[in-house]
Amino acid sequence: MPDWLPRQLEICAKYGASFAPSSDEDRAGVASNTELRPLNGLRHPPEPGTCGWFTWGGSALSDSPDFFKPYHVAHLLALCPDVVPFLGLGPGWRFLIHGEHVDVWFDESLLTPAP
């Protein structure tokens, strides 16, 4: 069992979320600014080859088409280890990490495709 799996299960239980793991081979969208805080993540419904997760740092979400780069979930442990414990949350879930402050919530709007 991977050492991060118990933490993912713990987070899902804490927030009443079903466990919906991301495959190591699936891709997530990761911004190049994940060293900034707060660290944000949101999950859309997965599509073939993707897990639906998007992660960025700072308080502003850019609409630039190249803001997010695709990375395999397996690489997130090295790229952005702070997000790994949250990757078991299903579509519609969001998180924000800022120092010791962690906020996790469900956002139903993430389940509806943009027009």
PDB file of N, CA and C in Angstrom:
ATOM      1  N   MET A   1       0.845  -1.184   0.000  1.00  0.00           N
ATOM      2  CA  MET A   1       0.000   0.000   0.000  1.00  0.00           C
ATOM      3  C   MET A   1       0.886   1.242   0.000  1.00  0.00           C
ATOM      4  N   PRO A   2       0.665   2.178  -0.943  1.00  0.00           N
ATOM      5  CA  PRO A   2       1.468   3.411  -0.937  1.00  0.00           C
ATOM      6  C   PRO A   2       1.298   4.152   0.388  1.00  0.00           C
ATOM      7  N   ASP A   3       2.360   4.806   0.846  1.00  0.00           N
ATOM      8  CA  ASP A   3       2.300   5.469   2.151  1.00  0.00           C
ATOM      9  C   ASP A   3       1.347   6.660   2.189  1.00  0.00           C
ATOM     10  N   TRP A   4       0.949   7.217   1.043  1.00  0.00           N
ATOM     11  CA  TRP A   4       0.017   8.341   1.026  1.00  0.00           C
ATOM     12  C   TRP A   4      -1.441   7.891   1.025  1.00  0.00           C
ATOM     13  N   LEU A   5      -1.711   6.624   0.734  1.00  0.00           N
ATOM     14  CA  LEU A   5      -3.078   6.137   0.635  1.00  0.00           C
ATOM     15  C   LEU A   5      -3.865   6.281   1.950  1.00  0.00           C
ATOM     16  N   PRO A   6      -3.304   5.923   3.113  1.00  0.00           N
ATOM     17  CA  PRO A   6      -4.066   6.126   4.354  1.00  0.00           C
ATOM     18  C   PRO A   6      -4.459   7.583   4.577  1.00  0.00           C
ATOM     19  N   ARG A   7      -3.596   8.517   4.207  1.00  0.00           N
ATOM     20  CA  ARG A   7      -3.907   9.939   4.376  1.00  0.00           C
ATOM     21  C   ARG A   7      -5.050  10.358   3.457  1.00  0.00           C
ATOM     22  N   GLN A   8      -5.057   9.844   2.211  1.00  0.00           N
ATOM     23  CA  GLN A   8      -6.162  10.153   1.297  1.00  0.00           C
ATOM     24  C   GLN A   8      -7.485   9.633   1.853  1.00  0.00           C
ATOM     25  N   LEU A   9      -7.477   8.416   2.374  1.00  0.00           N
ATOM     26  CA  LEU A   9      -8.691   7.839   2.958  1.00  0.00           C
ATOM     27  C   LEU A   9      -9.143   8.641   4.179  1.00  0.00           C
ATOM     28  N   GLU A  10      -8.182   9.092   4.976  1.00  0.00           N
ATOM     29  CA  GLU A  10      -8.484   9.896   6.169  1.00  0.00           C
ATOM     30  C   GLU A  10      -9.152  11.213   5.782  1.00  0.00           C
ATOM     31  N   ILE A  11      -8.631  11.866   4.755  1.00  0.00           N
ATOM     32  CA  ILE A  11      -9.200  13.145   4.304  1.00  0.00           C
ATOM     33  C   ILE A  11     -10.618  12.940   3.771  1.00  0.00           C
ATOM     34  N   CYS A  12     -10.829  11.902   2.988  1.00  0.00           N
ATOM     35  CA  CYS A  12     -12.180  11.631   2.477  1.00  0.00           C
ATOM     36  C   CYS A  12     -13.149  11.397   3.629  1.00  0.00           C
ATOM     37  N   ALA A  13     -12.739  10.629   4.617  1.00  0.00           N
ATOM     38  CA  ALA A  13     -13.602  10.359   5.771  1.00  0.00           C
ATOM     39  C   ALA A  13     -13.884  11.642   6.550  1.00  0.00           C
ATOM     40  N   LYS A  14     -12.865  12.461   6.747  1.00  0.00           N
ATOM     41  CA  LYS A  14     -13.021  13.696   7.513  1.00  0.00           C
ATOM     42  C   LYS A  14     -14.058  14.629   6.903  1.00  0.00           C
ATOM     43  N   TYR A  15     -14.093  14.701   5.567  1.00  0.00           N
ATOM     44  CA  TYR A  15     -14.983  15.645   4.892  1.00  0.00           C
ATOM     45  C   TYR A  15     -16.238  14.981   4.317  1.00  0.00           C
ATOM     46  N   GLY A  16     -16.418  13.686   4.587  1.00  0.00           N
ATOM     47  CA  GLY A  16     -17.612  12.993   4.120  1.00  0.00           C
ATOM     48  C   GLY A  16     -17.635  12.770   2.624  1.00  0.00           C
ATOM     49  N   ALA A  17     -16.468  12.626   2.031  1.00  0.00           N
ATOM     50  CA  ALA A  17     -16.364  12.437   0.582  1.00  0.00           C
ATOM     51  C   ALA A  17     -16.121  10.963   0.268  1.00  0.00           C
ATOM     52  N   SER A  18     -16.686  10.509  -0.831  1.00  0.00           N
ATOM     53  CA  SER A  18     -16.374   9.166  -1.308  1.00  0.00           C
ATOM     54  C   SER A  18     -14.933   9.153  -1.794  1.00  0.00           C
ATOM     55  N   PHE A  19     -14.279   8.017  -1.614  1.00  0.00           N
ATOM     56  CA  PHE A  19     -12.910   7.866  -2.087  1.00  0.00           C
ATOM     57  C   PHE A  19     -12.936   7.574  -3.580  1.00  0.00           C
ATOM     58  N   ALA A  20     -12.284   8.420  -4.364  1.00  0.00           N
ATOM     59  CA  ALA A  20     -12.232   8.288  -5.817  1.00  0.00           C
ATOM     60  C   ALA A  20     -10.786   8.487  -6.248  1.00  0.00           C
ATOM     61  N   PRO A  21      -9.957   7.445  -6.124  1.00  0.00           N
ATOM     62  CA  PRO A  21      -8.521   7.604  -6.385  1.00  0.00           C
ATOM     63  C   PRO A  21      -8.226   7.982  -7.832  1.00  0.00           C
ATOM     64  N   SER A  22      -7.101   8.636  -7.996  1.00  0.00           N
ATOM     65  CA  SER A  22      -6.594   8.984  -9.319  1.00  0.00           C
ATOM     66  C   SER A  22      -5.544   7.953  -9.703  1.00  0.00           C
ATOM     67  N   SER A  23      -5.591   7.486 -10.923  1.00  0.00           N
ATOM     68  CA  SER A  23      -4.611   6.521 -11.419  1.00  0.00           C
ATOM     69  C   SER A  23      -3.267   7.213 -11.644  1.00  0.00           C
ATOM     70  N   ASP A  24      -2.189   6.532 -11.334  1.00  0.00           N
ATOM     71  CA  ASP A  24      -0.844   7.080 -11.553  1.00  0.00           C
ATOM     72  C   ASP A  24      -0.600   7.461 -13.008  1.00  0.00           C
ATOM     73  N   GLU A  25      -1.278   6.781 -13.937  1.00  0.00           N
ATOM     74  CA  GLU A  25      -1.074   7.040 -15.367  1.00  0.00           C
ATOM     75  C   GLU A  25      -1.907   8.201 -15.882  1.00  0.00           C
ATOM     76  N   ASP A  26      -2.943   8.584 -15.143  1.00  0.00           N
ATOM     77  CA  ASP A  26      -3.770   9.714 -15.571  1.00  0.00           C
ATOM     78  C   ASP A  26      -2.996  11.023 -15.425  1.00  0.00           C
ATOM     79  N   ARG A  27      -3.431  12.015 -16.175  1.00  0.00           N
ATOM     80  CA  ARG A  27      -2.797  13.327 -16.114  1.00  0.00           C
ATOM     81  C   ARG A  27      -3.642  14.295 -15.284  1.00  0.00           C
ATOM     82  N   ALA A  28      -2.936  15.212 -14.635  1.00  0.00           N
ATOM     83  CA  ALA A  28      -3.548  16.310 -13.888  1.00  0.00           C
ATOM     84  C   ALA A  28      -2.984  17.598 -14.456  1.00  0.00           C
ATOM     85  N   GLY A  29      -3.738  18.674 -14.374  1.00  0.00           N
ATOM     86  CA  GLY A  29      -3.248  19.982 -14.801  1.00  0.00           C
ATOM     87  C   GLY A  29      -2.569  20.662 -13.621  1.00  0.00           C
ATOM     88  N   VAL A  30      -1.298  21.017 -13.801  1.00  0.00           N
ATOM     89  CA  VAL A  30      -0.522  21.637 -12.724  1.00  0.00           C
ATOM     90  C   VAL A  30       0.100  22.926 -13.256  1.00  0.00           C
ATOM     91  N   ALA A  31      -0.134  24.021 -12.555  1.00  0.00           N
ATOM     92  CA  ALA A  31       0.462  25.304 -12.943  1.00  0.00           C
ATOM     93  C   ALA A  31       1.918  25.335 -12.503  1.00  0.00           C
ATOM     94  N   SER A  32       2.686  26.190 -13.130  1.00  0.00           N
ATOM     95  CA  SER A  32       4.112  26.289 -12.793  1.00  0.00           C
ATOM     96  C   SER A  32       4.347  27.104 -11.524  1.00  0.00           C
ATOM     97  N   ASN A  33       3.290  27.617 -10.909  1.00  0.00           N
ATOM     98  CA  ASN A  33       3.453  28.489  -9.742  1.00  0.00           C
ATOM     99  C   ASN A  33       3.065  27.809  -8.424  1.00  0.00           C
ATOM    100  N   THR A  34       3.192  26.498  -8.339  1.00  0.00           N
ATOM    101  CA  THR A  34       2.742  25.784  -7.142  1.00  0.00           C
ATOM    102  C   THR A  34       3.622  26.041  -5.920  1.00  0.00           C
ATOM    103  N   GLU A  35       4.683  26.812  -6.069  1.00  0.00           N
ATOM    104  CA  GLU A  35       5.474  27.203  -4.892  1.00  0.00           C
ATOM    105  C   GLU A  35       4.798  28.351  -4.141  1.00  0.00           C
ATOM    106  N   LEU A  36       3.861  29.046  -4.806  1.00  0.00           N
ATOM    107  CA  LEU A  36       3.123  30.139  -4.167  1.00  0.00           C
ATOM    108  C   LEU A  36       2.042  29.587  -3.249  1.00  0.00           C
ATOM    109  N   ARG A  37       1.658  30.389  -2.266  1.00  0.00           N
ATOM    110  CA  ARG A  37       0.562  30.019  -1.376  1.00  0.00           C
ATOM    111  C   ARG A  37      -0.477  31.115  -1.394  1.00  0.00           C
ATOM    112  N   PRO A  38      -1.734  30.789  -1.273  1.00  0.00           N
ATOM    113  CA  PRO A  38      -2.254  29.470  -0.976  1.00  0.00           C
ATOM    114  C   PRO A  38      -2.093  28.517  -2.160  1.00  0.00           C
ATOM    115  N   LEU A  39      -2.124  27.232  -1.860  1.00  0.00           N
ATOM    116  CA  LEU A  39      -2.092  26.179  -2.871  1.00  0.00           C
ATOM    117  C   LEU A  39      -3.534  25.723  -3.063  1.00  0.00           C
ATOM    118  N   ASN A  40      -3.979  25.736  -4.305  1.00  0.00           N
ATOM    119  CA  ASN A  40      -5.375  25.448  -4.640  1.00  0.00           C
ATOM    120  C   ASN A  40      -5.489  24.206  -5.506  1.00  0.00           C
ATOM    121  N   GLY A  41      -6.593  23.503  -5.362  1.00  0.00           N
ATOM    122  CA  GLY A  41      -6.880  22.369  -6.231  1.00  0.00           C
ATOM    123  C   GLY A  41      -8.373  22.220  -6.409  1.00  0.00           C
ATOM    124  N   LEU A  42      -8.765  21.776  -7.590  1.00  0.00           N
ATOM    125  CA  LEU A  42     -10.166  21.479  -7.862  1.00  0.00           C
ATOM    126  C   LEU A  42     -10.227  20.305  -8.816  1.00  0.00           C
ATOM    127  N   ARG A  43     -11.333  19.555  -8.695  1.00  0.00           N
ATOM    128  CA  ARG A  43     -11.471  18.365  -9.538  1.00  0.00           C
ATOM    129  C   ARG A  43     -12.768  18.395 -10.336  1.00  0.00           C
ATOM    130  N   HIS A  44     -12.590  18.404 -11.653  1.00  0.00           N
ATOM    131  CA  HIS A  44     -13.688  18.241 -12.591  1.00  0.00           C
ATOM    132  C   HIS A  44     -13.907  16.741 -12.820  1.00  0.00           C
ATOM    133  N   PRO A  45     -15.002  16.352 -13.444  1.00  0.00           N
ATOM    134  CA  PRO A  45     -15.154  14.937 -13.787  1.00  0.00           C
ATOM    135  C   PRO A  45     -14.021  14.489 -14.710  1.00  0.00           C
ATOM    136  N   PRO A  46     -13.497  13.293 -14.485  1.00  0.00           N
ATOM    137  CA  PRO A  46     -12.402  12.810 -15.343  1.00  0.00           C
ATOM    138  C   PRO A  46     -12.866  12.604 -16.781  1.00  0.00           C
ATOM    139  N   GLU A  47     -11.923  12.718 -17.671  1.00  0.00           N
ATOM    140  CA  GLU A  47     -12.117  12.386 -19.075  1.00  0.00           C
ATOM    141  C   GLU A  47     -11.050  11.356 -19.410  1.00  0.00           C
ATOM    142  N   PRO A  48     -11.162  10.656 -20.519  1.00  0.00           N
ATOM    143  CA  PRO A  48     -10.155   9.635 -20.825  1.00  0.00           C
ATOM    144  C   PRO A  48      -8.723  10.194 -20.737  1.00  0.00           C
ATOM    145  N   GLY A  49      -7.907   9.546 -19.911  1.00  0.00           N
ATOM    146  CA  GLY A  49      -6.507   9.939 -19.768  1.00  0.00           C
ATOM    147  C   GLY A  49      -6.253  11.019 -18.740  1.00  0.00           C
ATOM    148  N   THR A  50      -7.309  11.578 -18.165  1.00  0.00           N
ATOM    149  CA  THR A  50      -7.129  12.620 -17.156  1.00  0.00           C
ATOM    150  C   THR A  50      -7.910  12.249 -15.893  1.00  0.00           C
ATOM    151  N   CYS A  51      -7.465  12.783 -14.772  1.00  0.00           N
ATOM    152  CA  CYS A  51      -8.164  12.521 -13.505  1.00  0.00           C
ATOM    153  C   CYS A  51      -9.098  13.664 -13.133  1.00  0.00           C
ATOM    154  N   GLY A  52      -8.997  14.799 -13.831  1.00  0.00           N
ATOM    155  CA  GLY A  52      -9.860  15.941 -13.557  1.00  0.00           C
ATOM    156  C   GLY A  52      -9.273  16.961 -12.597  1.00  0.00           C
ATOM    157  N   TRP A  53      -8.119  16.664 -11.988  1.00  0.00           N
ATOM    158  CA  TRP A  53      -7.518  17.588 -11.017  1.00  0.00           C
ATOM    159  C   TRP A  53      -6.752  18.717 -11.701  1.00  0.00           C
ATOM    160  N   PHE A  54      -6.896  19.918 -11.143  1.00  0.00           N
ATOM    161  CA  PHE A  54      -6.135  21.097 -11.544  1.00  0.00           C
ATOM    162  C   PHE A  54      -5.617  21.741 -10.270  1.00  0.00           C
ATOM    163  N   THR A  55      -4.332  22.073 -10.261  1.00  0.00           N
ATOM    164  CA  THR A  55      -3.677  22.623  -9.073  1.00  0.00           C
ATOM    165  C   THR A  55      -2.876  23.857  -9.458  1.00  0.00           C
ATOM    166  N   TRP A  56      -2.937  24.900  -8.607  1.00  0.00           N
ATOM    167  CA  TRP A  56      -2.162  26.117  -8.845  1.00  0.00           C
ATOM    168  C   TRP A  56      -1.860  26.788  -7.519  1.00  0.00           C
ATOM    169  N   GLY A  57      -0.879  27.679  -7.553  1.00  0.00           N
ATOM    170  CA  GLY A  57      -0.511  28.442  -6.369  1.00  0.00           C
ATOM    171  C   GLY A  57      -0.952  29.891  -6.495  1.00  0.00           C
ATOM    172  N   GLY A  58      -1.093  30.557  -5.358  1.00  0.00           N
ATOM    173  CA  GLY A  58      -1.468  31.966  -5.345  1.00  0.00           C
ATOM    174  C   GLY A  58      -2.971  32.145  -5.315  1.00  0.00           C
ATOM    175  N   SER A  59      -3.380  33.395  -5.273  1.00  0.00           N
ATOM    176  CA  SER A  59      -4.805  33.683  -5.142  1.00  0.00           C
ATOM    177  C   SER A  59      -5.497  33.927  -6.477  1.00  0.00           C
ATOM    178  N   ALA A  60      -4.749  34.010  -7.567  1.00  0.00           N
ATOM    179  CA  ALA A  60      -5.349  34.279  -8.877  1.00  0.00           C
ATOM    180  C   ALA A  60      -5.254  33.057  -9.777  1.00  0.00           C
ATOM    181  N   LEU A  61      -6.371  32.725 -10.406  1.00  0.00           N
ATOM    182  CA  LEU A  61      -6.429  31.637 -11.376  1.00  0.00           C
ATOM    183  C   LEU A  61      -6.388  32.270 -12.764  1.00  0.00           C
ATOM    184  N   SER A  62      -5.379  31.947 -13.526  1.00  0.00           N
ATOM    185  CA  SER A  62      -5.214  32.531 -14.852  1.00  0.00           C
ATOM    186  C   SER A  62      -6.123  31.837 -15.869  1.00  0.00           C
ATOM    187  N   ASP A  63      -6.565  32.575 -16.876  1.00  0.00           N
ATOM    188  CA  ASP A  63      -7.318  31.968 -17.965  1.00  0.00           C
ATOM    189  C   ASP A  63      -6.439  31.750 -19.194  1.00  0.00           C
ATOM    190  N   SER A  64      -5.137  31.905 -19.029  1.00  0.00           N
ATOM    191  CA  SER A  64      -4.196  31.666 -20.124  1.00  0.00           C
ATOM    192  C   SER A  64      -4.250  30.190 -20.530  1.00  0.00           C
ATOM    193  N   PRO A  65      -4.283  29.910 -21.840  1.00  0.00           N
ATOM    194  CA  PRO A  65      -4.391  28.515 -22.278  1.00  0.00           C
ATOM    195  C   PRO A  65      -3.194  27.643 -21.879  1.00  0.00           C
ATOM    196  N   ASP A  66      -2.066  28.253 -21.555  1.00  0.00           N
ATOM    197  CA  ASP A  66      -0.902  27.452 -21.162  1.00  0.00           C
ATOM    198  C   ASP A  66      -0.595  27.553 -19.662  1.00  0.00           C
ATOM    199  N   PHE A  67      -1.574  28.003 -18.874  1.00  0.00           N
ATOM    200  CA  PHE A  67      -1.374  28.127 -17.427  1.00  0.00           C
ATOM    201  C   PHE A  67      -1.141  26.762 -16.786  1.00  0.00           C
ATOM    202  N   PHE A  68      -1.917  25.765 -17.200  1.00  0.00           N
ATOM    203  CA  PHE A  68      -1.767  24.410 -16.673  1.00  0.00           C
ATOM    204  C   PHE A  68      -0.987  23.543 -17.651  1.00  0.00           C
ATOM    205  N   LYS A  69      -0.086  22.746 -17.112  1.00  0.00           N
ATOM    206  CA  LYS A  69       0.676  21.767 -17.897  1.00  0.00           C
ATOM    207  C   LYS A  69       0.234  20.381 -17.445  1.00  0.00           C
ATOM    208  N   PRO A  70       0.164  19.422 -18.377  1.00  0.00           N
ATOM    209  CA  PRO A  70      -0.257  18.066 -17.993  1.00  0.00           C
ATOM    210  C   PRO A  70       0.902  17.276 -17.375  1.00  0.00           C
ATOM    211  N   TYR A  71       0.646  16.689 -16.231  1.00  0.00           N
ATOM    212  CA  TYR A  71       1.618  15.816 -15.564  1.00  0.00           C
ATOM    213  C   TYR A  71       0.902  14.545 -15.135  1.00  0.00           C
ATOM    214  N   HIS A  72       1.618  13.431 -15.217  1.00  0.00           N
ATOM    215  CA  HIS A  72       1.059  12.190 -14.694  1.00  0.00           C
ATOM    216  C   HIS A  72       0.938  12.304 -13.179  1.00  0.00           C
ATOM    217  N   VAL A  73      -0.126  11.737 -12.651  1.00  0.00           N
ATOM    218  CA  VAL A  73      -0.356  11.762 -11.212  1.00  0.00           C
ATOM    219  C   VAL A  73       0.854  11.192 -10.468  1.00  0.00           C
ATOM    220  N   ALA A  74       1.500  10.189 -11.024  1.00  0.00           N
ATOM    221  CA  ALA A  74       2.675   9.576 -10.385  1.00  0.00           C
ATOM    222  C   ALA A  74       3.789  10.584 -10.141  1.00  0.00           C
ATOM    223  N   HIS A  75       3.841  11.657 -10.927  1.00  0.00           N
ATOM    224  CA  HIS A  75       4.906  12.650 -10.780  1.00  0.00           C
ATOM    225  C   HIS A  75       4.579  13.741  -9.764  1.00  0.00           C
ATOM    226  N   LEU A  76       3.330  13.783  -9.293  1.00  0.00           N
ATOM    227  CA  LEU A  76       2.939  14.852  -8.373  1.00  0.00           C
ATOM    228  C   LEU A  76       3.605  14.733  -7.009  1.00  0.00           C
ATOM    229  N   LEU A  77       3.996  13.543  -6.611  1.00  0.00           N
ATOM    230  CA  LEU A  77       4.675  13.384  -5.327  1.00  0.00           C
ATOM    231  C   LEU A  77       5.980  14.176  -5.323  1.00  0.00           C
ATOM    232  N   ALA A  78       6.670  14.207  -6.445  1.00  0.00           N
ATOM    233  CA  ALA A  78       7.918  14.977  -6.544  1.00  0.00           C
ATOM    234  C   ALA A  78       7.646  16.443  -6.874  1.00  0.00           C
ATOM    235  N   LEU A  79       6.663  16.701  -7.737  1.00  0.00           N
ATOM    236  CA  LEU A  79       6.365  18.058  -8.201  1.00  0.00           C
ATOM    237  C   LEU A  79       5.673  18.918  -7.150  1.00  0.00           C
ATOM    238  N   CYS A  80       4.689  18.349  -6.499  1.00  0.00           N
ATOM    239  CA  CYS A  80       3.825  19.113  -5.607  1.00  0.00           C
ATOM    240  C   CYS A  80       3.275  18.178  -4.523  1.00  0.00           C
ATOM    241  N   PRO A  81       4.124  17.731  -3.614  1.00  0.00           N
ATOM    242  CA  PRO A  81       3.715  16.708  -2.651  1.00  0.00           C
ATOM    243  C   PRO A  81       2.557  17.120  -1.740  1.00  0.00           C
ATOM    244  N   ASP A  82       2.361  18.414  -1.526  1.00  0.00           N
ATOM    245  CA  ASP A  82       1.279  18.862  -0.639  1.00  0.00           C
ATOM    246  C   ASP A  82      -0.105  18.503  -1.167  1.00  0.00           C
ATOM    247  N   VAL A  83      -0.251  18.301  -2.480  1.00  0.00           N
ATOM    248  CA  VAL A  83      -1.571  18.006  -3.036  1.00  0.00           C
ATOM    249  C   VAL A  83      -1.921  16.521  -2.976  1.00  0.00           C
ATOM    250  N   VAL A  84      -0.928  15.664  -2.876  1.00  0.00           N
ATOM    251  CA  VAL A  84      -1.145  14.212  -2.968  1.00  0.00           C
ATOM    252  C   VAL A  84      -2.181  13.703  -1.962  1.00  0.00           C
ATOM    253  N   PRO A  85      -2.186  14.160  -0.712  1.00  0.00           N
ATOM    254  CA  PRO A  85      -3.195  13.645   0.219  1.00  0.00           C
ATOM    255  C   PRO A  85      -4.644  13.941  -0.185  1.00  0.00           C
ATOM    256  N   PHE A  86      -4.859  14.902  -1.064  1.00  0.00           N
ATOM    257  CA  PHE A  86      -6.207  15.307  -1.459  1.00  0.00           C
ATOM    258  C   PHE A  86      -6.691  14.633  -2.739  1.00  0.00           C
ATOM    259  N   LEU A  87      -5.832  13.889  -3.397  1.00  0.00           N
ATOM    260  CA  LEU A  87      -6.168  13.329  -4.706  1.00  0.00           C
ATOM    261  C   LEU A  87      -7.169  12.188  -4.664  1.00  0.00           C
ATOM    262  N   GLY A  88      -7.582  11.757  -3.494  1.00  0.00           N
ATOM    263  CA  GLY A  88      -8.629  10.745  -3.387  1.00  0.00           C
ATOM    264  C   GLY A  88     -10.028  11.332  -3.385  1.00  0.00           C
ATOM    265  N   LEU A  89     -10.119  12.662  -3.248  1.00  0.00           N
ATOM    266  CA  LEU A  89     -11.431  13.325  -3.286  1.00  0.00           C
ATOM    267  C   LEU A  89     -12.004  13.237  -4.700  1.00  0.00           C
ATOM    268  N   GLY A  90     -13.288  13.036  -4.786  1.00  0.00           N
ATOM    269  CA  GLY A  90     -13.925  12.860  -6.086  1.00  0.00           C
ATOM    270  C   GLY A  90     -14.183  14.165  -6.818  1.00  0.00           C
ATOM    271  N   PRO A  91     -14.739  14.051  -8.024  1.00  0.00           N
ATOM    272  CA  PRO A  91     -15.100  15.231  -8.797  1.00  0.00           C
ATOM    273  C   PRO A  91     -16.041  16.131  -8.007  1.00  0.00           C
ATOM    274  N   GLY A  92     -15.832  17.436  -8.147  1.00  0.00           N
ATOM    275  CA  GLY A  92     -16.628  18.430  -7.444  1.00  0.00           C
ATOM    276  C   GLY A  92     -15.965  18.942  -6.176  1.00  0.00           C
ATOM    277  N   TRP A  93     -14.882  18.326  -5.761  1.00  0.00           N
ATOM    278  CA  TRP A  93     -14.205  18.742  -4.530  1.00  0.00           C
ATOM    279  C   TRP A  93     -13.093  19.734  -4.828  1.00  0.00           C
ATOM    280  N   ARG A  94     -12.855  20.603  -3.861  1.00  0.00           N
ATOM    281  CA  ARG A  94     -11.802  21.625  -3.948  1.00  0.00           C
ATOM    282  C   ARG A  94     -11.028  21.628  -2.640  1.00  0.00           C
ATOM    283  N   PHE A  95      -9.823  22.156  -2.693  1.00  0.00           N
ATOM    284  CA  PHE A  95      -9.054  22.372  -1.467  1.00  0.00           C
ATOM    285  C   PHE A  95      -8.228  23.640  -1.594  1.00  0.00           C
ATOM    286  N   LEU A  96      -7.863  24.185  -0.448  1.00  0.00           N
ATOM    287  CA  LEU A  96      -6.988  25.341  -0.347  1.00  0.00           C
ATOM    288  C   LEU A  96      -6.075  25.092   0.851  1.00  0.00           C
ATOM    289  N   ILE A  97      -4.780  25.224   0.645  1.00  0.00           N
ATOM    290  CA  ILE A  97      -3.785  25.019   1.706  1.00  0.00           C
ATOM    291  C   ILE A  97      -2.991  26.310   1.845  1.00  0.00           C
ATOM    292  N   HIS A  98      -2.918  26.820   3.064  1.00  0.00           N
ATOM    293  CA  HIS A  98      -2.120  28.017   3.327  1.00  0.00           C
ATOM    294  C   HIS A  98      -1.503  27.856   4.708  1.00  0.00           C
ATOM    295  N   GLY A  99      -0.261  27.393   4.737  1.00  0.00           N
ATOM    296  CA  GLY A  99       0.393  27.110   6.008  1.00  0.00           C
ATOM    297  C   GLY A  99      -0.341  25.993   6.723  1.00  0.00           C
ATOM    298  N   GLU A 100      -0.723  26.234   7.963  1.00  0.00           N
ATOM    299  CA  GLU A 100      -1.455  25.237   8.741  1.00  0.00           C
ATOM    300  C   GLU A 100      -2.945  25.223   8.414  1.00  0.00           C
ATOM    301  N   HIS A 101      -3.411  26.242   7.697  1.00  0.00           N
ATOM    302  CA  HIS A 101      -4.833  26.326   7.343  1.00  0.00           C
ATOM    303  C   HIS A 101      -5.117  25.436   6.131  1.00  0.00           C
ATOM    304  N   VAL A 102      -6.099  24.560   6.283  1.00  0.00           N
ATOM    305  CA  VAL A 102      -6.550  23.698   5.187  1.00  0.00           C
ATOM    306  C   VAL A 102      -8.062  23.826   5.100  1.00  0.00           C
ATOM    307  N   ASP A 103      -8.546  24.086   3.910  1.00  0.00           N
ATOM    308  CA  ASP A 103      -9.978  24.182   3.681  1.00  0.00           C
ATOM    309  C   ASP A 103     -10.328  23.205   2.559  1.00  0.00           C
ATOM    310  N   VAL A 104     -11.343  22.386   2.762  1.00  0.00           N
ATOM    311  CA  VAL A 104     -11.802  21.417   1.769  1.00  0.00           C
ATOM    312  C   VAL A 104     -13.315  21.558   1.677  1.00  0.00           C
ATOM    313  N   TRP A 105     -13.844  21.656   0.456  1.00  0.00           N
ATOM    314  CA  TRP A 105     -15.280  21.800   0.293  1.00  0.00           C
ATOM    315  C   TRP A 105     -15.729  21.256  -1.053  1.00  0.00           C
ATOM    316  N   PHE A 106     -17.026  20.968  -1.116  1.00  0.00           N
ATOM    317  CA  PHE A 106     -17.646  20.464  -2.333  1.00  0.00           C
ATOM    318  C   PHE A 106     -18.233  21.637  -3.106  1.00  0.00           C
ATOM    319  N   ASP A 107     -17.977  21.673  -4.414  1.00  0.00           N
ATOM    320  CA  ASP A 107     -18.457  22.734  -5.289  1.00  0.00           C
ATOM    321  C   ASP A 107     -19.184  22.074  -6.466  1.00  0.00           C
ATOM    322  N   GLU A 108     -20.501  22.001  -6.349  1.00  0.00           N
ATOM    323  CA  GLU A 108     -21.303  21.312  -7.351  1.00  0.00           C
ATOM    324  C   GLU A 108     -21.114  21.890  -8.759  1.00  0.00           C
ATOM    325  N   SER A 109     -20.754  23.162  -8.871  1.00  0.00           N
ATOM    326  CA  SER A 109     -20.589  23.780 -10.192  1.00  0.00           C
ATOM    327  C   SER A 109     -19.470  23.115 -11.004  1.00  0.00           C
ATOM    328  N   LEU A 110     -18.553  22.451 -10.335  1.00  0.00           N
ATOM    329  CA  LEU A 110     -17.462  21.774 -11.051  1.00  0.00           C
ATOM    330  C   LEU A 110     -17.958  20.550 -11.830  1.00  0.00           C
ATOM    331  N   LEU A 111     -19.144  20.075 -11.513  1.00  0.00           N
ATOM    332  CA  LEU A 111     -19.679  18.888 -12.162  1.00  0.00           C
ATOM    333  C   LEU A 111     -20.385  19.204 -13.467  1.00  0.00           C
ATOM    334  N   THR A 112     -20.661  20.489 -13.708  1.00  0.00           N
ATOM    335  CA  THR A 112     -21.366  20.915 -14.913  1.00  0.00           C
ATOM    336  C   THR A 112     -20.356  21.450 -15.920  1.00  0.00           C
ATOM    337  N   PRO A 113     -20.324  20.863 -17.126  1.00  0.00           N
ATOM    338  CA  PRO A 113     -19.381  21.363 -18.131  1.00  0.00           C
ATOM    339  C   PRO A 113     -19.650  22.812 -18.479  1.00  0.00           C
ATOM    340  N   ALA A 114     -18.575  23.562 -18.724  1.00  0.00           N
ATOM    341  CA  ALA A 114     -18.710  24.962 -19.137  1.00  0.00           C
ATOM    342  C   ALA A 114     -19.325  25.019 -20.528  1.00  0.00           C
ATOM    343  N   PRO A 115     -20.128  26.054 -20.801  1.00  0.00           N
ATOM    344  CA  PRO A 115     -20.765  26.168 -22.133  1.00  0.00           C
ATOM    345  C   PRO A 115     -19.768  26.417 -23.229  1.00  0.00           C
TER     346      PRO A 115
END
